[in-house]
C-alpha cells in the first residue's frame, strides 16, 4: 500500500516527477510544479494523464486557449499533441504515463529527468 500524501511530503524539488507505483506498462507519478519552466513538448507515442491533487495548473495545448485545472480535475493529453504546463502559486499533480514516456518528450531542458532520477528524486526545492 502507498499513501500518496506521505509520498507528496517527500518531494522537495519542483519539476521532478517521482514514480510511486507501476501498473502493467504504466508508471504512476507525482510531481510539484511552480512557475513556468516546463518547455513546449510532445510525446509522439504516448498519452499522458494529469490529475490535480492540490493547487491549480495552467494547461496549454498548441493552437488552443490555455485553461486552468483545479484540485480534482483530470485531463488527458493525447499522443502527438504539443503542450506545456505552469503554476503561479504551485500545485501537486498525479500523472499516469507509459513507461516509455520521456519526462519532457522530444525536448531536453534543464528540468528534464531520467526514469532513474524519477525513481530516486529527493533534493531541495529550488
N, C-alpha and C. Protein backbone atom coordinates (compact mmCIF):
# COMPACT_ATOMS: atom_id res chain seq x y z
N UNK A 1 0.85 -1.18 0.00
CA UNK A 1 0.00 0.00 0.00
C UNK A 1 0.89 1.24 0.00
N UNK A 2 0.46 2.24 -0.73
CA UNK A 2 1.19 3.51 -0.82
C UNK A 2 0.26 4.63 -0.38
N UNK A 3 0.71 5.44 0.56
CA UNK A 3 -0.05 6.61 0.96
C UNK A 3 0.47 7.78 0.12
N UNK A 4 -0.36 8.27 -0.79
CA UNK A 4 0.05 9.34 -1.70
C UNK A 4 0.44 10.60 -0.94
N UNK A 5 -0.29 10.96 0.10
CA UNK A 5 0.04 12.15 0.88
C UNK A 5 1.41 12.04 1.52
N UNK A 6 1.77 10.86 2.02
CA UNK A 6 3.12 10.66 2.57
C UNK A 6 4.18 10.82 1.50
N UNK A 7 3.91 10.33 0.30
CA UNK A 7 4.86 10.45 -0.81
C UNK A 7 5.02 11.91 -1.23
N UNK A 8 3.93 12.66 -1.23
CA UNK A 8 4.00 14.08 -1.60
C UNK A 8 4.90 14.84 -0.64
N UNK A 9 4.81 14.53 0.65
CA UNK A 9 5.65 15.20 1.65
C UNK A 9 7.12 15.00 1.40
N UNK A 10 7.50 13.92 0.74
CA UNK A 10 8.91 13.62 0.46
C UNK A 10 9.46 14.41 -0.72
N UNK A 11 8.58 14.94 -1.56
CA UNK A 11 9.04 15.67 -2.75
C UNK A 11 9.51 17.05 -2.32
N UNK A 12 10.76 17.36 -2.61
CA UNK A 12 11.33 18.65 -2.23
C UNK A 12 11.85 19.42 -3.43
N UNK A 13 11.60 18.93 -4.64
CA UNK A 13 12.09 19.58 -5.85
C UNK A 13 10.94 19.76 -6.83
N UNK A 14 10.79 20.96 -7.34
CA UNK A 14 9.79 21.20 -8.37
C UNK A 14 10.25 20.58 -9.68
N UNK A 15 9.29 20.23 -10.53
CA UNK A 15 9.53 19.71 -11.88
C UNK A 15 10.25 18.36 -11.89
N UNK A 16 10.16 17.61 -10.82
CA UNK A 16 10.84 16.31 -10.74
C UNK A 16 9.83 15.21 -10.40
N UNK A 17 9.19 14.64 -11.41
CA UNK A 17 8.23 13.59 -11.14
C UNK A 17 8.87 12.44 -10.35
N UNK A 18 8.09 11.88 -9.43
CA UNK A 18 8.54 10.74 -8.64
C UNK A 18 7.61 9.58 -8.94
N UNK A 19 8.19 8.47 -9.35
CA UNK A 19 7.41 7.27 -9.62
C UNK A 19 7.03 6.65 -8.28
N UNK A 20 5.72 6.46 -8.07
CA UNK A 20 5.27 5.88 -6.81
C UNK A 20 4.64 4.50 -6.99
N UNK A 21 4.34 4.13 -8.23
CA UNK A 21 3.74 2.81 -8.47
C UNK A 21 3.89 2.45 -9.95
N UNK A 22 3.74 1.17 -10.23
CA UNK A 22 3.72 0.66 -11.59
C UNK A 22 2.48 -0.21 -11.75
N UNK A 23 1.84 -0.11 -12.89
CA UNK A 23 0.71 -0.97 -13.21
C UNK A 23 0.79 -1.30 -14.69
N UNK A 24 0.86 -2.58 -14.98
CA UNK A 24 1.05 -3.04 -16.35
C UNK A 24 2.25 -2.33 -16.97
N UNK A 25 2.05 -1.60 -18.04
CA UNK A 25 3.16 -0.91 -18.69
C UNK A 25 3.12 0.59 -18.41
N UNK A 26 2.56 0.97 -17.26
CA UNK A 26 2.40 2.39 -16.91
C UNK A 26 3.09 2.70 -15.58
N UNK A 27 3.54 3.94 -15.46
CA UNK A 27 4.03 4.47 -14.19
C UNK A 27 2.98 5.43 -13.63
N UNK A 28 2.81 5.40 -12.33
CA UNK A 28 2.02 6.39 -11.62
C UNK A 28 3.04 7.31 -10.96
N UNK A 29 2.95 8.61 -11.23
CA UNK A 29 3.94 9.57 -10.76
C UNK A 29 3.24 10.72 -10.03
N UNK A 30 3.97 11.35 -9.14
CA UNK A 30 3.52 12.60 -8.53
C UNK A 30 4.61 13.63 -8.75
N UNK A 31 4.21 14.89 -8.82
CA UNK A 31 5.17 15.98 -9.03
C UNK A 31 4.60 17.28 -8.48
N UNK A 32 5.52 18.17 -8.16
CA UNK A 32 5.15 19.53 -7.77
C UNK A 32 5.61 20.48 -8.87
N UNK A 33 4.74 21.40 -9.22
CA UNK A 33 5.02 22.39 -10.27
C UNK A 33 4.85 23.78 -9.68
N UNK A 34 5.81 24.66 -9.93
CA UNK A 34 5.69 26.07 -9.55
C UNK A 34 6.49 26.88 -10.55
N UNK A 35 5.82 27.78 -11.23
CA UNK A 35 6.48 28.57 -12.26
C UNK A 35 6.16 28.03 -13.64
N UNK A 36 7.02 28.40 -14.59
CA UNK A 36 6.75 28.03 -15.99
C UNK A 36 7.98 27.46 -16.69
N UNK A 37 8.71 26.61 -16.02
CA UNK A 37 9.94 26.04 -16.59
C UNK A 37 9.71 24.85 -17.53
N UNK A 38 8.50 24.29 -17.55
CA UNK A 38 8.24 23.16 -18.44
C UNK A 38 8.19 23.67 -19.87
N UNK A 39 9.05 23.13 -20.75
CA UNK A 39 9.06 23.60 -22.14
C UNK A 39 7.90 23.02 -22.95
N UNK A 40 7.59 23.68 -24.07
CA UNK A 40 6.66 23.07 -25.02
C UNK A 40 7.25 21.74 -25.44
N UNK A 41 6.43 20.70 -25.43
CA UNK A 41 6.91 19.37 -25.83
C UNK A 41 5.72 18.48 -26.19
N UNK A 42 6.03 17.32 -26.75
CA UNK A 42 5.00 16.34 -27.05
C UNK A 42 5.56 14.94 -26.80
N UNK A 43 4.66 14.01 -26.69
CA UNK A 43 5.01 12.60 -26.57
C UNK A 43 4.42 11.93 -27.81
N UNK A 44 5.29 11.54 -28.74
CA UNK A 44 4.83 11.06 -30.04
C UNK A 44 3.97 9.80 -29.97
N UNK A 45 4.26 8.91 -29.01
CA UNK A 45 3.58 7.62 -28.99
C UNK A 45 2.78 7.34 -27.74
N UNK A 46 2.70 8.31 -26.82
CA UNK A 46 2.05 8.05 -25.54
C UNK A 46 1.08 9.16 -25.16
N UNK A 47 -0.07 8.77 -24.61
CA UNK A 47 -0.97 9.72 -23.98
C UNK A 47 -0.44 9.99 -22.57
N UNK A 48 -0.85 11.11 -21.97
CA UNK A 48 -0.37 11.48 -20.64
C UNK A 48 -1.56 11.98 -19.82
N UNK A 49 -1.81 11.35 -18.67
CA UNK A 49 -2.92 11.73 -17.81
C UNK A 49 -2.44 12.63 -16.70
N UNK A 50 -3.12 13.77 -16.52
CA UNK A 50 -2.85 14.72 -15.44
C UNK A 50 -4.04 14.72 -14.49
N UNK A 51 -3.78 14.61 -13.19
CA UNK A 51 -4.82 14.73 -12.17
C UNK A 51 -4.31 15.68 -11.11
N UNK A 52 -5.07 16.72 -10.81
CA UNK A 52 -4.61 17.75 -9.88
C UNK A 52 -4.96 17.35 -8.44
N UNK A 53 -3.93 17.20 -7.62
CA UNK A 53 -4.10 16.82 -6.21
C UNK A 53 -4.23 18.04 -5.31
N UNK A 54 -3.53 19.12 -5.66
CA UNK A 54 -3.52 20.33 -4.83
C UNK A 54 -3.16 21.52 -5.71
N UNK A 55 -3.78 22.66 -5.46
CA UNK A 55 -3.45 23.88 -6.19
C UNK A 55 -4.11 23.93 -7.56
N UNK A 56 -3.52 24.72 -8.45
CA UNK A 56 -4.04 24.85 -9.81
C UNK A 56 -2.91 24.82 -10.82
N UNK A 57 -3.23 24.35 -12.00
CA UNK A 57 -2.26 24.16 -13.07
C UNK A 57 -2.80 24.78 -14.34
N UNK A 58 -1.98 25.57 -15.02
CA UNK A 58 -2.36 26.12 -16.33
C UNK A 58 -1.90 25.11 -17.38
N UNK A 59 -2.85 24.61 -18.15
CA UNK A 59 -2.56 23.67 -19.22
C UNK A 59 -2.62 24.43 -20.54
N UNK A 60 -1.54 24.35 -21.30
CA UNK A 60 -1.51 24.98 -22.61
C UNK A 60 -1.36 23.89 -23.66
N UNK A 61 -2.26 23.92 -24.61
CA UNK A 61 -2.27 23.00 -25.74
C UNK A 61 -2.09 23.85 -26.99
N UNK A 62 -1.16 23.47 -27.85
CA UNK A 62 -0.89 24.25 -29.06
C UNK A 62 -2.17 24.49 -29.86
N UNK A 63 -2.35 25.72 -30.31
CA UNK A 63 -3.49 26.16 -31.13
C UNK A 63 -4.82 26.14 -30.38
N UNK A 64 -4.76 26.16 -29.03
CA UNK A 64 -5.98 26.23 -28.23
C UNK A 64 -5.77 27.27 -27.12
N UNK A 65 -6.87 27.74 -26.57
CA UNK A 65 -6.79 28.66 -25.44
C UNK A 65 -6.31 27.89 -24.20
N UNK A 66 -5.37 28.46 -23.43
CA UNK A 66 -4.96 27.81 -22.18
C UNK A 66 -6.17 27.70 -21.24
N UNK A 67 -6.12 26.71 -20.36
CA UNK A 67 -7.17 26.57 -19.36
C UNK A 67 -6.55 26.19 -18.03
N UNK A 68 -7.28 26.50 -16.96
CA UNK A 68 -6.78 26.25 -15.61
C UNK A 68 -7.45 25.00 -15.05
N UNK A 69 -6.62 24.11 -14.55
CA UNK A 69 -7.11 22.90 -13.89
C UNK A 69 -7.01 23.12 -12.38
N UNK A 70 -8.04 22.72 -11.65
CA UNK A 70 -8.09 22.86 -10.20
C UNK A 70 -8.05 21.48 -9.54
N UNK A 71 -7.87 21.48 -8.23
CA UNK A 71 -7.88 20.24 -7.46
C UNK A 71 -9.08 19.38 -7.87
N UNK A 72 -8.80 18.11 -8.16
CA UNK A 72 -9.84 17.18 -8.57
C UNK A 72 -10.04 17.06 -10.06
N UNK A 73 -9.47 17.99 -10.84
CA UNK A 73 -9.61 17.94 -12.30
C UNK A 73 -8.65 16.92 -12.91
N UNK A 74 -9.12 16.27 -13.98
CA UNK A 74 -8.34 15.29 -14.71
C UNK A 74 -8.37 15.65 -16.18
N UNK A 75 -7.23 15.50 -16.86
CA UNK A 75 -7.15 15.79 -18.29
C UNK A 75 -6.13 14.86 -18.92
N UNK A 76 -6.44 14.36 -20.11
CA UNK A 76 -5.51 13.51 -20.85
C UNK A 76 -5.01 14.28 -22.06
N UNK A 77 -3.69 14.42 -22.15
CA UNK A 77 -3.06 14.99 -23.33
C UNK A 77 -2.80 13.83 -24.28
N UNK A 78 -3.39 13.88 -25.44
CA UNK A 78 -3.23 12.80 -26.42
C UNK A 78 -1.84 12.79 -27.02
N UNK A 79 -1.39 11.62 -27.41
CA UNK A 79 -0.08 11.50 -28.04
C UNK A 79 -0.01 12.42 -29.26
N UNK A 80 1.18 12.96 -29.48
CA UNK A 80 1.41 13.83 -30.62
C UNK A 80 0.94 15.26 -30.45
N UNK A 81 0.41 15.61 -29.27
CA UNK A 81 -0.11 16.97 -29.04
C UNK A 81 0.94 17.80 -28.29
N UNK A 82 1.34 18.91 -28.87
CA UNK A 82 2.31 19.80 -28.26
C UNK A 82 1.66 20.52 -27.08
N UNK A 83 2.31 20.50 -25.91
CA UNK A 83 1.71 21.08 -24.71
C UNK A 83 2.78 21.54 -23.73
N UNK A 84 2.35 22.31 -22.74
CA UNK A 84 3.20 22.71 -21.62
C UNK A 84 2.29 23.05 -20.44
N UNK A 85 2.87 23.03 -19.25
CA UNK A 85 2.11 23.34 -18.05
C UNK A 85 2.87 24.37 -17.21
N UNK A 86 2.12 25.08 -16.36
CA UNK A 86 2.71 26.06 -15.45
C UNK A 86 1.79 26.22 -14.25
N UNK A 87 2.34 26.78 -13.18
CA UNK A 87 1.54 27.07 -11.99
C UNK A 87 2.13 28.26 -11.27
N UNK A 88 1.35 29.33 -11.11
CA UNK A 88 1.85 30.54 -10.45
C UNK A 88 2.14 30.31 -8.97
N UNK A 89 1.19 29.73 -8.25
CA UNK A 89 1.34 29.56 -6.81
C UNK A 89 1.81 28.16 -6.41
N UNK A 90 1.89 27.27 -7.37
CA UNK A 90 2.32 25.91 -7.09
C UNK A 90 1.17 24.93 -7.06
N UNK A 91 1.45 23.72 -7.49
CA UNK A 91 0.44 22.67 -7.45
C UNK A 91 1.13 21.31 -7.35
N UNK A 92 0.35 20.33 -6.98
CA UNK A 92 0.82 18.96 -6.92
C UNK A 92 -0.06 18.15 -7.87
N UNK A 93 0.59 17.35 -8.72
CA UNK A 93 -0.15 16.59 -9.73
C UNK A 93 0.18 15.11 -9.63
N UNK A 94 -0.75 14.30 -10.09
CA UNK A 94 -0.54 12.88 -10.28
C UNK A 94 -0.57 12.65 -11.78
N UNK A 95 0.39 11.90 -12.27
CA UNK A 95 0.49 11.58 -13.69
C UNK A 95 0.42 10.08 -13.89
N UNK A 96 -0.21 9.66 -14.96
CA UNK A 96 -0.12 8.26 -15.38
C UNK A 96 0.42 8.29 -16.79
N UNK A 97 1.57 7.61 -16.97
CA UNK A 97 2.28 7.64 -18.26
C UNK A 97 2.83 6.25 -18.56
N UNK A 98 2.92 5.95 -19.85
CA UNK A 98 3.59 4.72 -20.26
C UNK A 98 5.04 4.76 -19.80
N UNK A 99 5.61 3.59 -19.56
CA UNK A 99 7.00 3.52 -19.11
C UNK A 99 7.97 4.09 -20.14
N UNK A 100 7.54 4.21 -21.38
CA UNK A 100 8.40 4.76 -22.44
C UNK A 100 8.33 6.27 -22.54
N UNK A 101 7.44 6.91 -21.78
CA UNK A 101 7.24 8.36 -21.88
C UNK A 101 8.43 9.11 -21.31
N UNK A 102 9.03 9.96 -22.12
CA UNK A 102 10.13 10.80 -21.67
C UNK A 102 9.56 12.02 -20.95
N UNK A 103 10.23 12.42 -19.87
CA UNK A 103 9.74 13.48 -18.99
C UNK A 103 9.30 14.73 -19.75
N UNK A 104 10.14 15.25 -20.60
CA UNK A 104 9.77 16.43 -21.39
C UNK A 104 9.71 16.09 -22.88
N UNK A 105 9.28 14.87 -23.14
CA UNK A 105 9.04 14.44 -24.52
C UNK A 105 10.24 14.58 -25.41
N UNK A 106 10.02 15.25 -26.54
CA UNK A 106 11.04 15.40 -27.56
C UNK A 106 11.98 16.57 -27.31
N UNK A 107 11.90 17.19 -26.12
CA UNK A 107 12.71 18.36 -25.80
C UNK A 107 13.54 18.07 -24.55
N UNK A 108 14.82 18.36 -24.63
CA UNK A 108 15.69 18.23 -23.46
C UNK A 108 15.91 19.62 -22.89
N UNK A 109 15.69 19.76 -21.59
CA UNK A 109 15.86 21.07 -20.95
C UNK A 109 16.50 20.89 -19.58
N UNK A 110 16.70 21.99 -18.88
CA UNK A 110 17.33 21.95 -17.56
C UNK A 110 16.51 21.15 -16.55
N UNK A 111 15.21 20.99 -16.78
CA UNK A 111 14.37 20.26 -15.82
C UNK A 111 14.15 18.80 -16.21
N UNK A 112 14.62 18.37 -17.38
CA UNK A 112 14.40 17.01 -17.84
C UNK A 112 15.02 16.01 -16.88
N UNK A 113 14.24 15.00 -16.49
CA UNK A 113 14.70 13.97 -15.55
C UNK A 113 14.60 12.60 -16.21
N UNK A 114 15.61 11.78 -15.99
CA UNK A 114 15.58 10.40 -16.48
C UNK A 114 14.65 9.57 -15.61
N UNK A 115 14.28 8.40 -16.08
CA UNK A 115 13.46 7.49 -15.28
C UNK A 115 14.20 7.14 -13.99
N UNK A 116 15.50 6.92 -14.05
CA UNK A 116 16.28 6.60 -12.85
C UNK A 116 16.12 7.72 -11.81
N UNK A 117 16.22 8.96 -12.24
CA UNK A 117 16.06 10.09 -11.31
C UNK A 117 14.63 10.21 -10.80
N UNK A 118 13.66 9.82 -11.60
CA UNK A 118 12.27 9.88 -11.16
C UNK A 118 11.98 8.84 -10.08
N UNK A 119 12.78 7.80 -10.04
CA UNK A 119 12.61 6.77 -9.01
C UNK A 119 13.30 7.16 -7.71
N UNK A 120 14.26 8.09 -7.77
CA UNK A 120 15.07 8.43 -6.60
C UNK A 120 15.26 9.92 -6.39
N UNK A 121 14.22 10.71 -6.55
CA UNK A 121 14.35 12.17 -6.51
C UNK A 121 13.93 12.75 -5.17
N UNK A 122 14.88 13.16 -4.34
CA UNK A 122 14.58 13.82 -3.05
C UNK A 122 15.61 14.88 -2.77
N UNK A 123 15.61 15.98 -3.54
CA UNK A 123 16.56 17.08 -3.35
C UNK A 123 15.81 18.31 -2.87
N UNK A 124 16.53 19.35 -2.57
CA UNK A 124 15.91 20.58 -2.07
C UNK A 124 15.17 21.33 -3.16
N UNK A 125 14.07 21.99 -2.79
CA UNK A 125 13.32 22.82 -3.73
C UNK A 125 14.18 24.02 -4.12
N UNK A 126 14.19 24.31 -5.42
CA UNK A 126 14.98 25.43 -5.95
C UNK A 126 14.29 26.74 -5.70
